[in-house]
Amino acid sequence: MNTQDERTWSMLAHLSSLVGLFFSGTGFIFGFIGPLIIWLLKKDQSHIIAENAKEALNFNITYTIFSVIALLSVFLLIGFILIPAVYVVWIVFAIIATVKTNQGQHYRYPFIFRFVK
């Protein structure tokens, strides 16, 4: 990455999903709003920030879908295992992405759908 400003904004795109997840308790509402706002504000200013924000946005949309599936599977009793697993993986991957981005590396989340290209 080129500048500290790009690293900071990229890191905030990944970190904002964690903030949204903790404040909403589910991530359904606020998990992807932070990366979306950063992407919309900074996509024309920096390609690096735009790529990181899109990656964080795709990650949060994917894990929101996974959360809905896990919540619906509670009726099949497997949801009681899936819900905590989804949230633990969500938190761990978001922390890893935040740290890697702060170190100047581009992080690609595994196992996500890339809706925003």
PDB file of N, CA and C in Angstrom:
ATOM      1  N   MET A   1       0.844  -1.183   0.000  1.00  0.00           N
ATOM      2  CA  MET A   1       0.000   0.000   0.000  1.00  0.00           C
ATOM      3  C   MET A   1       0.882   1.237   0.000  1.00  0.00           C
ATOM      4  N   ASN A   2       0.361   2.274  -0.535  1.00  0.00           N
ATOM      5  CA  ASN A   2       1.183   3.454  -0.753  1.00  0.00           C
ATOM      6  C   ASN A   2       1.299   4.347   0.472  1.00  0.00           C
ATOM      7  N   THR A   3       0.179   4.768   1.023  1.00  0.00           N
ATOM      8  CA  THR A   3       0.254   5.767   2.085  1.00  0.00           C
ATOM      9  C   THR A   3      -0.397   5.269   3.361  1.00  0.00           C
ATOM     10  N   GLN A   4      -0.074   5.928   4.435  1.00  0.00           N
ATOM     11  CA  GLN A   4      -0.682   5.602   5.724  1.00  0.00           C
ATOM     12  C   GLN A   4      -2.178   5.885   5.690  1.00  0.00           C
ATOM     13  N   ASP A   5      -2.565   6.920   4.946  1.00  0.00           N
ATOM     14  CA  ASP A   5      -3.980   7.253   4.826  1.00  0.00           C
ATOM     15  C   ASP A   5      -4.765   6.114   4.168  1.00  0.00           C
ATOM     16  N   GLU A   6      -4.194   5.516   3.130  1.00  0.00           N
ATOM     17  CA  GLU A   6      -4.859   4.386   2.466  1.00  0.00           C
ATOM     18  C   GLU A   6      -4.940   3.178   3.396  1.00  0.00           C
ATOM     19  N   ARG A   7      -3.889   2.936   4.158  1.00  0.00           N
ATOM     20  CA  ARG A   7      -3.916   1.825   5.112  1.00  0.00           C
ATOM     21  C   ARG A   7      -4.960   2.051   6.193  1.00  0.00           C
ATOM     22  N   THR A   8      -5.047   3.286   6.671  1.00  0.00           N
ATOM     23  CA  THR A   8      -6.010   3.601   7.723  1.00  0.00           C
ATOM     24  C   THR A   8      -7.442   3.424   7.229  1.00  0.00           C
ATOM     25  N   TRP A   9      -7.767   3.972   6.067  1.00  0.00           N
ATOM     26  CA  TRP A   9      -9.131   3.851   5.540  1.00  0.00           C
ATOM     27  C   TRP A   9      -9.467   2.400   5.209  1.00  0.00           C
ATOM     28  N   SER A  10      -8.492   1.666   4.693  1.00  0.00           N
ATOM     29  CA  SER A  10      -8.723   0.253   4.392  1.00  0.00           C
ATOM     30  C   SER A  10      -8.968  -0.539   5.672  1.00  0.00           C
ATOM     31  N   MET A  11      -8.187  -0.237   6.688  1.00  0.00           N
ATOM     32  CA  MET A  11      -8.364  -0.900   7.978  1.00  0.00           C
ATOM     33  C   MET A  11      -9.733  -0.568   8.568  1.00  0.00           C
ATOM     34  N   LEU A  12     -10.151   0.681   8.447  1.00  0.00           N
ATOM     35  CA  LEU A  12     -11.460   1.084   8.971  1.00  0.00           C
ATOM     36  C   LEU A  12     -12.608   0.396   8.251  1.00  0.00           C
ATOM     37  N   ALA A  13     -12.425   0.095   6.977  1.00  0.00           N
ATOM     38  CA  ALA A  13     -13.469  -0.628   6.239  1.00  0.00           C
ATOM     39  C   ALA A  13     -13.687  -2.007   6.846  1.00  0.00           C
ATOM     40  N   HIS A  14     -12.604  -2.674   7.208  1.00  0.00           N
ATOM     41  CA  HIS A  14     -12.728  -3.997   7.821  1.00  0.00           C
ATOM     42  C   HIS A  14     -13.177  -3.896   9.281  1.00  0.00           C
ATOM     43  N   LEU A  15     -12.641  -2.919   9.983  1.00  0.00           N
ATOM     44  CA  LEU A  15     -12.970  -2.754  11.401  1.00  0.00           C
ATOM     45  C   LEU A  15     -14.406  -2.293  11.610  1.00  0.00           C
ATOM     46  N   SER A  16     -14.936  -1.510  10.688  1.00  0.00           N
ATOM     47  CA  SER A  16     -16.303  -1.009  10.841  1.00  0.00           C
ATOM     48  C   SER A  16     -17.329  -2.132  10.852  1.00  0.00           C
ATOM     49  N   SER A  17     -17.020  -3.235  10.200  1.00  0.00           N
ATOM     50  CA  SER A  17     -17.946  -4.363  10.234  1.00  0.00           C
ATOM     51  C   SER A  17     -18.029  -4.956  11.637  1.00  0.00           C
ATOM     52  N   LEU A  18     -16.903  -4.992  12.328  1.00  0.00           N
ATOM     53  CA  LEU A  18     -16.923  -5.479  13.714  1.00  0.00           C
ATOM     54  C   LEU A  18     -17.714  -4.550  14.617  1.00  0.00           C
ATOM     55  N   VAL A  19     -17.528  -3.274  14.424  1.00  0.00           N
ATOM     56  CA  VAL A  19     -18.270  -2.296  15.218  1.00  0.00           C
ATOM     57  C   VAL A  19     -19.770  -2.453  14.977  1.00  0.00           C
ATOM     58  N   GLY A  20     -20.150  -2.598  13.710  1.00  0.00           N
ATOM     59  CA  GLY A  20     -21.552  -2.806  13.381  1.00  0.00           C
ATOM     60  C   GLY A  20     -22.092  -4.098  13.948  1.00  0.00           C
ATOM     61  N   LEU A  21     -21.279  -5.134  13.922  1.00  0.00           N
ATOM     62  CA  LEU A  21     -21.696  -6.424  14.464  1.00  0.00           C
ATOM     63  C   LEU A  21     -21.935  -6.340  15.958  1.00  0.00           C
ATOM     64  N   PHE A  22     -21.052  -5.675  16.674  1.00  0.00           N
ATOM     65  CA  PHE A  22     -21.201  -5.587  18.124  1.00  0.00           C
ATOM     66  C   PHE A  22     -22.343  -4.661  18.538  1.00  0.00           C
ATOM     67  N   PHE A  23     -22.557  -3.581  17.793  1.00  0.00           N
ATOM     68  CA  PHE A  23     -23.619  -2.657  18.176  1.00  0.00           C
ATOM     69  C   PHE A  23     -25.009  -3.177  17.842  1.00  0.00           C
ATOM     70  N   SER A  24     -25.116  -3.920  16.748  1.00  0.00           N
ATOM     71  CA  SER A  24     -26.444  -4.426  16.377  1.00  0.00           C
ATOM     72  C   SER A  24     -26.726  -5.761  17.040  1.00  0.00           C
ATOM     73  N   GLY A  25     -25.692  -6.483  17.424  1.00  0.00           N
ATOM     74  CA  GLY A  25     -25.888  -7.776  18.041  1.00  0.00           C
ATOM     75  C   GLY A  25     -26.084  -8.875  17.016  1.00  0.00           C
ATOM     76  N   THR A  26     -26.428  -8.524  15.803  1.00  0.00           N
ATOM     77  CA  THR A  26     -26.637  -9.543  14.787  1.00  0.00           C
ATOM     78  C   THR A  26     -25.793  -9.310  13.554  1.00  0.00           C
ATOM     79  N   GLY A  27     -25.594  -8.098  13.175  1.00  0.00           N
ATOM     80  CA  GLY A  27     -24.871  -7.813  11.949  1.00  0.00           C
ATOM     81  C   GLY A  27     -25.792  -7.635  10.762  1.00  0.00           C
ATOM     82  N   PHE A  28     -27.073  -7.969  10.940  1.00  0.00           N
ATOM     83  CA  PHE A  28     -28.018  -7.850   9.833  1.00  0.00           C
ATOM     84  C   PHE A  28     -28.122  -6.419   9.341  1.00  0.00           C
ATOM     85  N   ILE A  29     -28.157  -5.485  10.265  1.00  0.00           N
ATOM     86  CA  ILE A  29     -28.424  -4.107   9.901  1.00  0.00           C
ATOM     87  C   ILE A  29     -27.145  -3.314   9.704  1.00  0.00           C
ATOM     88  N   PHE A  30     -26.262  -3.393  10.656  1.00  0.00           N
ATOM     89  CA  PHE A  30     -25.105  -2.495  10.660  1.00  0.00           C
ATOM     90  C   PHE A  30     -23.809  -3.127  10.180  1.00  0.00           C
ATOM     91  N   GLY A  31     -23.756  -4.422   9.963  1.00  0.00           N
ATOM     92  CA  GLY A  31     -22.511  -5.090   9.592  1.00  0.00           C
ATOM     93  C   GLY A  31     -21.912  -4.605   8.297  1.00  0.00           C
ATOM     94  N   PHE A  32     -22.739  -4.297   7.319  1.00  0.00           N
ATOM     95  CA  PHE A  32     -22.200  -3.905   6.018  1.00  0.00           C
ATOM     96  C   PHE A  32     -22.327  -2.419   5.737  1.00  0.00           C
ATOM     97  N   ILE A  33     -22.899  -1.654   6.636  1.00  0.00           N
ATOM     98  CA  ILE A  33     -23.080  -0.222   6.396  1.00  0.00           C
ATOM     99  C   ILE A  33     -21.743   0.524   6.417  1.00  0.00           C
ATOM    100  N   GLY A  34     -20.864   0.189   7.346  1.00  0.00           N
ATOM    101  CA  GLY A  34     -19.561   0.854   7.431  1.00  0.00           C
ATOM    102  C   GLY A  34     -18.732   0.673   6.174  1.00  0.00           C
ATOM    103  N   PRO A  35     -18.514  -0.575   5.722  1.00  0.00           N
ATOM    104  CA  PRO A  35     -17.765  -0.753   4.477  1.00  0.00           C
ATOM    105  C   PRO A  35     -18.446  -0.110   3.267  1.00  0.00           C
ATOM    106  N   LEU A  36     -19.773  -0.116   3.244  1.00  0.00           N
ATOM    107  CA  LEU A  36     -20.501   0.507   2.141  1.00  0.00           C
ATOM    108  C   LEU A  36     -20.260   2.012   2.105  1.00  0.00           C
ATOM    109  N   ILE A  37     -20.320   2.651   3.259  1.00  0.00           N
ATOM    110  CA  ILE A  37     -20.096   4.103   3.324  1.00  0.00           C
ATOM    111  C   ILE A  37     -18.666   4.449   2.905  1.00  0.00           C
ATOM    112  N   ILE A  38     -17.704   3.675   3.400  1.00  0.00           N
ATOM    113  CA  ILE A  38     -16.307   3.938   3.038  1.00  0.00           C
ATOM    114  C   ILE A  38     -16.092   3.734   1.547  1.00  0.00           C
ATOM    115  N   TRP A  39     -16.681   2.677   0.993  1.00  0.00           N
ATOM    116  CA  TRP A  39     -16.538   2.427  -0.439  1.00  0.00           C
ATOM    117  C   TRP A  39     -17.148   3.558  -1.262  1.00  0.00           C
ATOM    118  N   LEU A  40     -18.344   4.005  -0.871  1.00  0.00           N
ATOM    119  CA  LEU A  40     -18.994   5.077  -1.620  1.00  0.00           C
ATOM    120  C   LEU A  40     -18.231   6.396  -1.528  1.00  0.00           C
ATOM    121  N   LEU A  41     -17.655   6.673  -0.367  1.00  0.00           N
ATOM    122  CA  LEU A  41     -16.928   7.936  -0.188  1.00  0.00           C
ATOM    123  C   LEU A  41     -15.547   7.933  -0.837  1.00  0.00           C
ATOM    124  N   LYS A  42     -14.863   6.802  -0.816  1.00  0.00           N
ATOM    125  CA  LYS A  42     -13.447   6.772  -1.201  1.00  0.00           C
ATOM    126  C   LYS A  42     -13.150   6.038  -2.499  1.00  0.00           C
ATOM    127  N   LYS A  43     -14.159   5.480  -3.169  1.00  0.00           N
ATOM    128  CA  LYS A  43     -13.888   4.652  -4.351  1.00  0.00           C
ATOM    129  C   LYS A  43     -13.236   5.425  -5.491  1.00  0.00           C
ATOM    130  N   ASP A  44     -13.502   6.713  -5.598  1.00  0.00           N
ATOM    131  CA  ASP A  44     -12.906   7.509  -6.666  1.00  0.00           C
ATOM    132  C   ASP A  44     -11.553   8.104  -6.283  1.00  0.00           C
ATOM    133  N   GLN A  45     -11.222   8.061  -4.998  1.00  0.00           N
ATOM    134  CA  GLN A  45      -9.976   8.662  -4.534  1.00  0.00           C
ATOM    135  C   GLN A  45      -8.811   7.683  -4.503  1.00  0.00           C
ATOM    136  N   SER A  46      -9.115   6.403  -4.218  1.00  0.00           N
ATOM    137  CA  SER A  46      -8.036   5.436  -4.089  1.00  0.00           C
ATOM    138  C   SER A  46      -8.526   4.048  -4.480  1.00  0.00           C
ATOM    139  N   HIS A  47      -7.801   3.437  -5.388  1.00  0.00           N
ATOM    140  CA  HIS A  47      -8.131   2.079  -5.817  1.00  0.00           C
ATOM    141  C   HIS A  47      -7.929   1.078  -4.667  1.00  0.00           C
ATOM    142  N   ILE A  48      -6.927   1.300  -3.859  1.00  0.00           N
ATOM    143  CA  ILE A  48      -6.617   0.399  -2.749  1.00  0.00           C
ATOM    144  C   ILE A  48      -7.737   0.426  -1.711  1.00  0.00           C
ATOM    145  N   ILE A  49      -8.178   1.609  -1.345  1.00  0.00           N
ATOM    146  CA  ILE A  49      -9.276   1.725  -0.379  1.00  0.00           C
ATOM    147  C   ILE A  49     -10.544   1.111  -0.958  1.00  0.00           C
ATOM    148  N   ALA A  50     -10.809   1.359  -2.229  1.00  0.00           N
ATOM    149  CA  ALA A  50     -12.006   0.813  -2.864  1.00  0.00           C
ATOM    150  C   ALA A  50     -11.983  -0.712  -2.858  1.00  0.00           C
ATOM    151  N   GLU A  51     -10.845  -1.310  -3.158  1.00  0.00           N
ATOM    152  CA  GLU A  51     -10.743  -2.770  -3.174  1.00  0.00           C
ATOM    153  C   GLU A  51     -10.958  -3.364  -1.785  1.00  0.00           C
ATOM    154  N   ASN A  52     -10.363  -2.754  -0.775  1.00  0.00           N
ATOM    155  CA  ASN A  52     -10.533  -3.254   0.586  1.00  0.00           C
ATOM    156  C   ASN A  52     -11.960  -3.067   1.079  1.00  0.00           C
ATOM    157  N   ALA A  53     -12.562  -1.946   0.763  1.00  0.00           N
ATOM    158  CA  ALA A  53     -13.942  -1.707   1.177  1.00  0.00           C
ATOM    159  C   ALA A  53     -14.898  -2.668   0.482  1.00  0.00           C
ATOM    160  N   LYS A  54     -14.660  -2.952  -0.808  1.00  0.00           N
ATOM    161  CA  LYS A  54     -15.497  -3.924  -1.525  1.00  0.00           C
ATOM    162  C   LYS A  54     -15.331  -5.321  -0.934  1.00  0.00           C
ATOM    163  N   GLU A  55     -14.121  -5.674  -0.592  1.00  0.00           N
ATOM    164  CA  GLU A  55     -13.875  -6.987   0.013  1.00  0.00           C
ATOM    165  C   GLU A  55     -14.598  -7.098   1.356  1.00  0.00           C
ATOM    166  N   ALA A  56     -14.521  -6.052   2.172  1.00  0.00           N
ATOM    167  CA  ALA A  56     -15.224  -6.050   3.460  1.00  0.00           C
ATOM    168  C   ALA A  56     -16.732  -6.064   3.259  1.00  0.00           C
ATOM    169  N   LEU A  57     -17.215  -5.344   2.273  1.00  0.00           N
ATOM    170  CA  LEU A  57     -18.641  -5.316   1.978  1.00  0.00           C
ATOM    171  C   LEU A  57     -19.138  -6.691   1.538  1.00  0.00           C
ATOM    172  N   ASN A  58     -18.414  -7.333   0.638  1.00  0.00           N
ATOM    173  CA  ASN A  58     -18.791  -8.674   0.198  1.00  0.00           C
ATOM    174  C   ASN A  58     -18.762  -9.672   1.348  1.00  0.00           C
ATOM    175  N   PHE A  59     -17.761  -9.550   2.192  1.00  0.00           N
ATOM    176  CA  PHE A  59     -17.655 -10.428   3.360  1.00  0.00           C
ATOM    177  C   PHE A  59     -18.865 -10.273   4.272  1.00  0.00           C
ATOM    178  N   ASN A  60     -19.246  -9.045   4.542  1.00  0.00           N
ATOM    179  CA  ASN A  60     -20.359  -8.816   5.460  1.00  0.00           C
ATOM    180  C   ASN A  60     -21.702  -9.208   4.861  1.00  0.00           C
ATOM    181  N   ILE A  61     -21.877  -9.008   3.577  1.00  0.00           N
ATOM    182  CA  ILE A  61     -23.113  -9.462   2.937  1.00  0.00           C
ATOM    183  C   ILE A  61     -23.192 -10.990   3.003  1.00  0.00           C
ATOM    184  N   THR A  62     -22.091 -11.658   2.701  1.00  0.00           N
ATOM    185  CA  THR A  62     -22.059 -13.122   2.739  1.00  0.00           C
ATOM    186  C   THR A  62     -22.362 -13.643   4.141  1.00  0.00           C
ATOM    187  N   TYR A  63     -21.739 -13.062   5.148  1.00  0.00           N
ATOM    188  CA  TYR A  63     -21.948 -13.566   6.508  1.00  0.00           C
ATOM    189  C   TYR A  63     -23.301 -13.162   7.076  1.00  0.00           C
ATOM    190  N   THR A  64     -23.904 -12.124   6.548  1.00  0.00           N
ATOM    191  CA  THR A  64     -25.282 -11.823   6.908  1.00  0.00           C
ATOM    192  C   THR A  64     -26.195 -12.922   6.375  1.00  0.00           C
ATOM    193  N   ILE A  65     -25.950 -13.358   5.162  1.00  0.00           N
ATOM    194  CA  ILE A  65     -26.722 -14.468   4.587  1.00  0.00           C
ATOM    195  C   ILE A  65     -26.503 -15.737   5.404  1.00  0.00           C
ATOM    196  N   PHE A  66     -25.248 -16.020   5.766  1.00  0.00           N
ATOM    197  CA  PHE A  66     -24.959 -17.191   6.598  1.00  0.00           C
ATOM    198  C   PHE A  66     -25.691 -17.109   7.940  1.00  0.00           C
ATOM    199  N   SER A  67     -25.780 -15.913   8.510  1.00  0.00           N
ATOM    200  CA  SER A  67     -26.473 -15.732   9.790  1.00  0.00           C
ATOM    201  C   SER A  67     -27.965 -16.017   9.664  1.00  0.00           C
ATOM    202  N   VAL A  68     -28.555 -15.565   8.581  1.00  0.00           N
ATOM    203  CA  VAL A  68     -29.984 -15.816   8.357  1.00  0.00           C
ATOM    204  C   VAL A  68     -30.229 -17.318   8.215  1.00  0.00           C
ATOM    205  N   ILE A  69     -29.371 -17.986   7.462  1.00  0.00           N
ATOM    206  CA  ILE A  69     -29.502 -19.437   7.304  1.00  0.00           C
ATOM    207  C   ILE A  69     -29.342 -20.139   8.646  1.00  0.00           C
ATOM    208  N   ALA A  70     -28.376 -19.714   9.438  1.00  0.00           N
ATOM    209  CA  ALA A  70     -28.171 -20.315  10.758  1.00  0.00           C
ATOM    210  C   ALA A  70     -29.377 -20.083  11.666  1.00  0.00           C
ATOM    211  N   LEU A  71     -29.936 -18.870  11.627  1.00  0.00           N
ATOM    212  CA  LEU A  71     -31.112 -18.587  12.447  1.00  0.00           C
ATOM    213  C   LEU A  71     -32.318 -19.407  12.017  1.00  0.00           C
ATOM    214  N   LEU A  72     -32.489 -19.589  10.729  1.00  0.00           N
ATOM    215  CA  LEU A  72     -33.599 -20.397  10.238  1.00  0.00           C
ATOM    216  C   LEU A  72     -33.412 -21.879  10.554  1.00  0.00           C
ATOM    217  N   SER A  73     -32.169 -22.308  10.663  1.00  0.00           N
ATOM    218  CA  SER A  73     -31.919 -23.716  10.958  1.00  0.00           C
ATOM    219  C   SER A  73     -32.083 -24.059  12.437  1.00  0.00           C
ATOM    220  N   VAL A  74     -32.409 -23.076  13.251  1.00  0.00           N
ATOM    221  CA  VAL A  74     -32.695 -23.349  14.663  1.00  0.00           C
ATOM    222  C   VAL A  74     -33.871 -24.319  14.779  1.00  0.00           C
ATOM    223  N   PHE A  75     -34.797 -24.210  13.844  1.00  0.00           N
ATOM    224  CA  PHE A  75     -35.948 -25.107  13.859  1.00  0.00           C
ATOM    225  C   PHE A  75     -35.547 -26.559  13.602  1.00  0.00           C
ATOM    226  N   LEU A  76     -34.402 -26.768  12.978  1.00  0.00           N
ATOM    227  CA  LEU A  76     -33.882 -28.110  12.743  1.00  0.00           C
ATOM    228  C   LEU A  76     -32.884 -28.515  13.828  1.00  0.00           C
ATOM    229  N   LEU A  77     -32.720 -27.672  14.820  1.00  0.00           N
ATOM    230  CA  LEU A  77     -31.845 -27.852  15.983  1.00  0.00           C
ATOM    231  C   LEU A  77     -30.353 -27.760  15.665  1.00  0.00           C
ATOM    232  N   ILE A  78     -29.983 -27.682  14.423  1.00  0.00           N
ATOM    233  CA  ILE A  78     -28.571 -27.505  14.077  1.00  0.00           C
ATOM    234  C   ILE A  78     -28.149 -26.045  14.212  1.00  0.00           C
ATOM    235  N   GLY A  79     -29.127 -25.163  14.212  1.00  0.00           N
ATOM    236  CA  GLY A  79     -28.844 -23.734  14.314  1.00  0.00           C
ATOM    237  C   GLY A  79     -28.190 -23.342  15.616  1.00  0.00           C
ATOM    238  N   PHE A  80     -28.429 -24.120  16.666  1.00  0.00           N
ATOM    239  CA  PHE A  80     -27.809 -23.813  17.952  1.00  0.00           C
ATOM    240  C   PHE A  80     -26.295 -23.983  17.905  1.00  0.00           C
ATOM    241  N   ILE A  81     -25.824 -24.769  16.957  1.00  0.00           N
ATOM    242  CA  ILE A  81     -24.388 -24.923  16.755  1.00  0.00           C
ATOM    243  C   ILE A  81     -23.892 -23.945  15.694  1.00  0.00           C
ATOM    244  N   LEU A  82     -24.708 -23.729  14.653  1.00  0.00           N
ATOM    245  CA  LEU A  82     -24.290 -22.869  13.546  1.00  0.00           C
ATOM    246  C   LEU A  82     -24.199 -21.398  13.922  1.00  0.00           C
ATOM    247  N   ILE A  83     -25.139 -20.918  14.718  1.00  0.00           N
ATOM    248  CA  ILE A  83     -25.146 -19.485  15.067  1.00  0.00           C
ATOM    249  C   ILE A  83     -23.841 -19.058  15.732  1.00  0.00           C
ATOM    250  N   PRO A  84     -23.418 -19.728  16.810  1.00  0.00           N
ATOM    251  CA  PRO A  84     -22.137 -19.303  17.409  1.00  0.00           C
ATOM    252  C   PRO A  84     -20.954 -19.487  16.461  1.00  0.00           C
ATOM    253  N   ALA A  85     -20.987 -20.547  15.642  1.00  0.00           N
ATOM    254  CA  ALA A  85     -19.881 -20.787  14.717  1.00  0.00           C
ATOM    255  C   ALA A  85     -19.775 -19.664  13.689  1.00  0.00           C
ATOM    256  N   VAL A  86     -20.906 -19.231  13.162  1.00  0.00           N
ATOM    257  CA  VAL A  86     -20.905 -18.151  12.166  1.00  0.00           C
ATOM    258  C   VAL A  86     -20.344 -16.876  12.780  1.00  0.00           C
ATOM    259  N   TYR A  87     -20.774 -16.555  13.988  1.00  0.00           N
ATOM    260  CA  TYR A  87     -20.309 -15.310  14.600  1.00  0.00           C
ATOM    261  C   TYR A  87     -18.839 -15.362  15.004  1.00  0.00           C
ATOM    262  N   VAL A  88     -18.363 -16.505  15.448  1.00  0.00           N
ATOM    263  CA  VAL A  88     -16.945 -16.624  15.793  1.00  0.00           C
ATOM    264  C   VAL A  88     -16.086 -16.460  14.546  1.00  0.00           C
ATOM    265  N   VAL A  89     -16.480 -17.143  13.466  1.00  0.00           N
ATOM    266  CA  VAL A  89     -15.729 -17.027  12.212  1.00  0.00           C
ATOM    267  C   VAL A  89     -15.793 -15.597  11.686  1.00  0.00           C
ATOM    268  N   TRP A  90     -16.960 -14.959  11.787  1.00  0.00           N
ATOM    269  CA  TRP A  90     -17.129 -13.573  11.343  1.00  0.00           C
ATOM    270  C   TRP A  90     -16.132 -12.665  12.076  1.00  0.00           C
ATOM    271  N   ILE A  91     -16.079 -12.800  13.382  1.00  0.00           N
ATOM    272  CA  ILE A  91     -15.197 -11.954  14.201  1.00  0.00           C
ATOM    273  C   ILE A  91     -13.727 -12.243  13.900  1.00  0.00           C
ATOM    274  N   VAL A  92     -13.365 -13.521  13.830  1.00  0.00           N
ATOM    275  CA  VAL A  92     -11.964 -13.886  13.598  1.00  0.00           C
ATOM    276  C   VAL A  92     -11.478 -13.374  12.243  1.00  0.00           C
ATOM    277  N   PHE A  93     -12.260 -13.607  11.183  1.00  0.00           N
ATOM    278  CA  PHE A  93     -11.836 -13.145   9.859  1.00  0.00           C
ATOM    279  C   PHE A  93     -11.758 -11.619   9.791  1.00  0.00           C
ATOM    280  N   ALA A  94     -12.670 -10.931  10.437  1.00  0.00           N
ATOM    281  CA  ALA A  94     -12.640  -9.465  10.421  1.00  0.00           C
ATOM    282  C   ALA A  94     -11.406  -8.938  11.160  1.00  0.00           C
ATOM    283  N   ILE A  95     -11.035  -9.583  12.249  1.00  0.00           N
ATOM    284  CA  ILE A  95      -9.832  -9.167  12.984  1.00  0.00           C
ATOM    285  C   ILE A  95      -8.580  -9.436  12.159  1.00  0.00           C
ATOM    286  N   ILE A  96      -8.522 -10.612  11.536  1.00  0.00           N
ATOM    287  CA  ILE A  96      -7.368 -10.931  10.692  1.00  0.00           C
ATOM    288  C   ILE A  96      -7.238  -9.919   9.558  1.00  0.00           C
ATOM    289  N   ALA A  97      -8.351  -9.594   8.908  1.00  0.00           N
ATOM    290  CA  ALA A  97      -8.320  -8.632   7.801  1.00  0.00           C
ATOM    291  C   ALA A  97      -7.890  -7.259   8.280  1.00  0.00           C
ATOM    292  N   THR A  98      -8.358  -6.844   9.440  1.00  0.00           N
ATOM    293  CA  THR A  98      -7.980  -5.544   9.996  1.00  0.00           C
ATOM    294  C   THR A  98      -6.480  -5.477  10.258  1.00  0.00           C
ATOM    295  N   VAL A  99      -5.941  -6.517  10.858  1.00  0.00           N
ATOM    296  CA  VAL A  99      -4.505  -6.546  11.181  1.00  0.00           C
ATOM    297  C   VAL A  99      -3.661  -6.588   9.902  1.00  0.00           C
ATOM    298  N   LYS A 100      -4.030  -7.462   8.974  1.00  0.00           N
ATOM    299  CA  LYS A 100      -3.261  -7.578   7.726  1.00  0.00           C
ATOM    300  C   LYS A 100      -3.284  -6.270   6.934  1.00  0.00           C
ATOM    301  N   THR A 101      -4.447  -5.632   6.888  1.00  0.00           N
ATOM    302  CA  THR A 101      -4.562  -4.372   6.158  1.00  0.00           C
ATOM    303  C   THR A 101      -3.741  -3.281   6.830  1.00  0.00           C
ATOM    304  N   ASN A 102      -3.726  -3.263   8.135  1.00  0.00           N
ATOM    305  CA  ASN A 102      -2.933  -2.278   8.863  1.00  0.00           C
ATOM    306  C   ASN A 102      -1.442  -2.488   8.623  1.00  0.00           C
ATOM    307  N   GLN A 103      -1.048  -3.717   8.345  1.00  0.00           N
ATOM    308  CA  GLN A 103       0.352  -4.020   8.042  1.00  0.00           C
ATOM    309  C   GLN A 103       0.713  -3.711   6.587  1.00  0.00           C
ATOM    310  N   GLY A 104      -0.283  -3.299   5.795  1.00  0.00           N
ATOM    311  CA  GLY A 104      -0.024  -2.927   4.416  1.00  0.00           C
ATOM    312  C   GLY A 104      -0.271  -4.039   3.414  1.00  0.00           C
ATOM    313  N   GLN A 105      -0.858  -5.139   3.860  1.00  0.00           N
ATOM    314  CA  GLN A 105      -1.140  -6.259   2.972  1.00  0.00           C
ATOM    315  C   GLN A 105      -2.601  -6.235   2.544  1.00  0.00           C
ATOM    316  N   HIS A 106      -2.869  -6.749   1.339  1.00  0.00           N
ATOM    317  CA  HIS A 106      -4.260  -6.880   0.886  1.00  0.00           C
ATOM    318  C   HIS A 106      -4.768  -8.241   1.344  1.00  0.00           C
ATOM    319  N   TYR A 107      -5.913  -8.256   2.006  1.00  0.00           N
ATOM    320  CA  TYR A 107      -6.473  -9.503   2.532  1.00  0.00           C
ATOM    321  C   TYR A 107      -7.717  -9.881   1.751  1.00  0.00           C
ATOM    322  N   ARG A 108      -7.769 -11.122   1.280  1.00  0.00           N
ATOM    323  CA  ARG A 108      -8.949 -11.660   0.601  1.00  0.00           C
ATOM    324  C   ARG A 108      -9.592 -12.667   1.537  1.00  0.00           C
ATOM    325  N   TYR A 109     -10.847 -12.421   1.871  1.00  0.00           N
ATOM    326  CA  TYR A 109     -11.575 -13.335   2.744  1.00  0.00           C
ATOM    327  C   TYR A 109     -11.833 -14.652   2.025  1.00  0.00           C
ATOM    328  N   PRO A 110     -11.632 -15.775   2.717  1.00  0.00           N
ATOM    329  CA  PRO A 110     -11.985 -17.058   2.101  1.00  0.00           C
ATOM    330  C   PRO A 110     -13.482 -17.337   2.246  1.00  0.00           C
ATOM    331  N   PHE A 111     -14.013 -18.149   1.372  1.00  0.00           N
ATOM    332  CA  PHE A 111     -15.389 -18.653   1.458  1.00  0.00           C
ATOM    333  C   PHE A 111     -16.452 -17.561   1.410  1.00  0.00           C
ATOM    334  N   ILE A 112     -16.260 -16.554   0.568  1.00  0.00           N
ATOM    335  CA  ILE A 112     -17.308 -15.537   0.450  1.00  0.00           C
ATOM    336  C   ILE A 112     -17.744 -15.409  -0.999  1.00  0.00           C
ATOM    337  N   PHE A 113     -18.933 -14.859  -1.170  1.00  0.00           N
ATOM    338  CA  PHE A 113     -19.451 -14.544  -2.490  1.00  0.00           C
ATOM    339  C   PHE A 113     -19.060 -13.105  -2.786  1.00  0.00           C
ATOM    340  N   ARG A 114     -18.678 -12.848  -3.989  1.00  0.00           N
ATOM    341  CA  ARG A 114     -18.279 -11.490  -4.366  1.00  0.00           C
ATOM    342  C   ARG A 114     -19.408 -10.862  -5.169  1.00  0.00           C
ATOM    343  N   PHE A 115     -20.342 -10.236  -4.443  1.00  0.00           N
ATOM    344  CA  PHE A 115     -21.494  -9.593  -5.045  1.00  0.00           C
ATOM    345  C   PHE A 115     -21.120  -8.266  -5.705  1.00  0.00           C
ATOM    346  N   VAL A 116     -20.293  -7.487  -5.015  1.00  0.00           N
ATOM    347  CA  VAL A 116     -19.857  -6.176  -5.511  1.00  0.00           C
ATOM    348  C   VAL A 116     -18.513  -6.372  -6.181  1.00  0.00           C
ATOM    349  N   LYS A 117     -18.449  -6.034  -7.465  1.00  0.00           N
ATOM    350  CA  LYS A 117     -17.193  -6.253  -8.208  1.00  0.00           C
ATOM    351  C   LYS A 117     -16.555  -4.961  -8.630  1.00  0.00           C
TER     352      LYS A 117
END
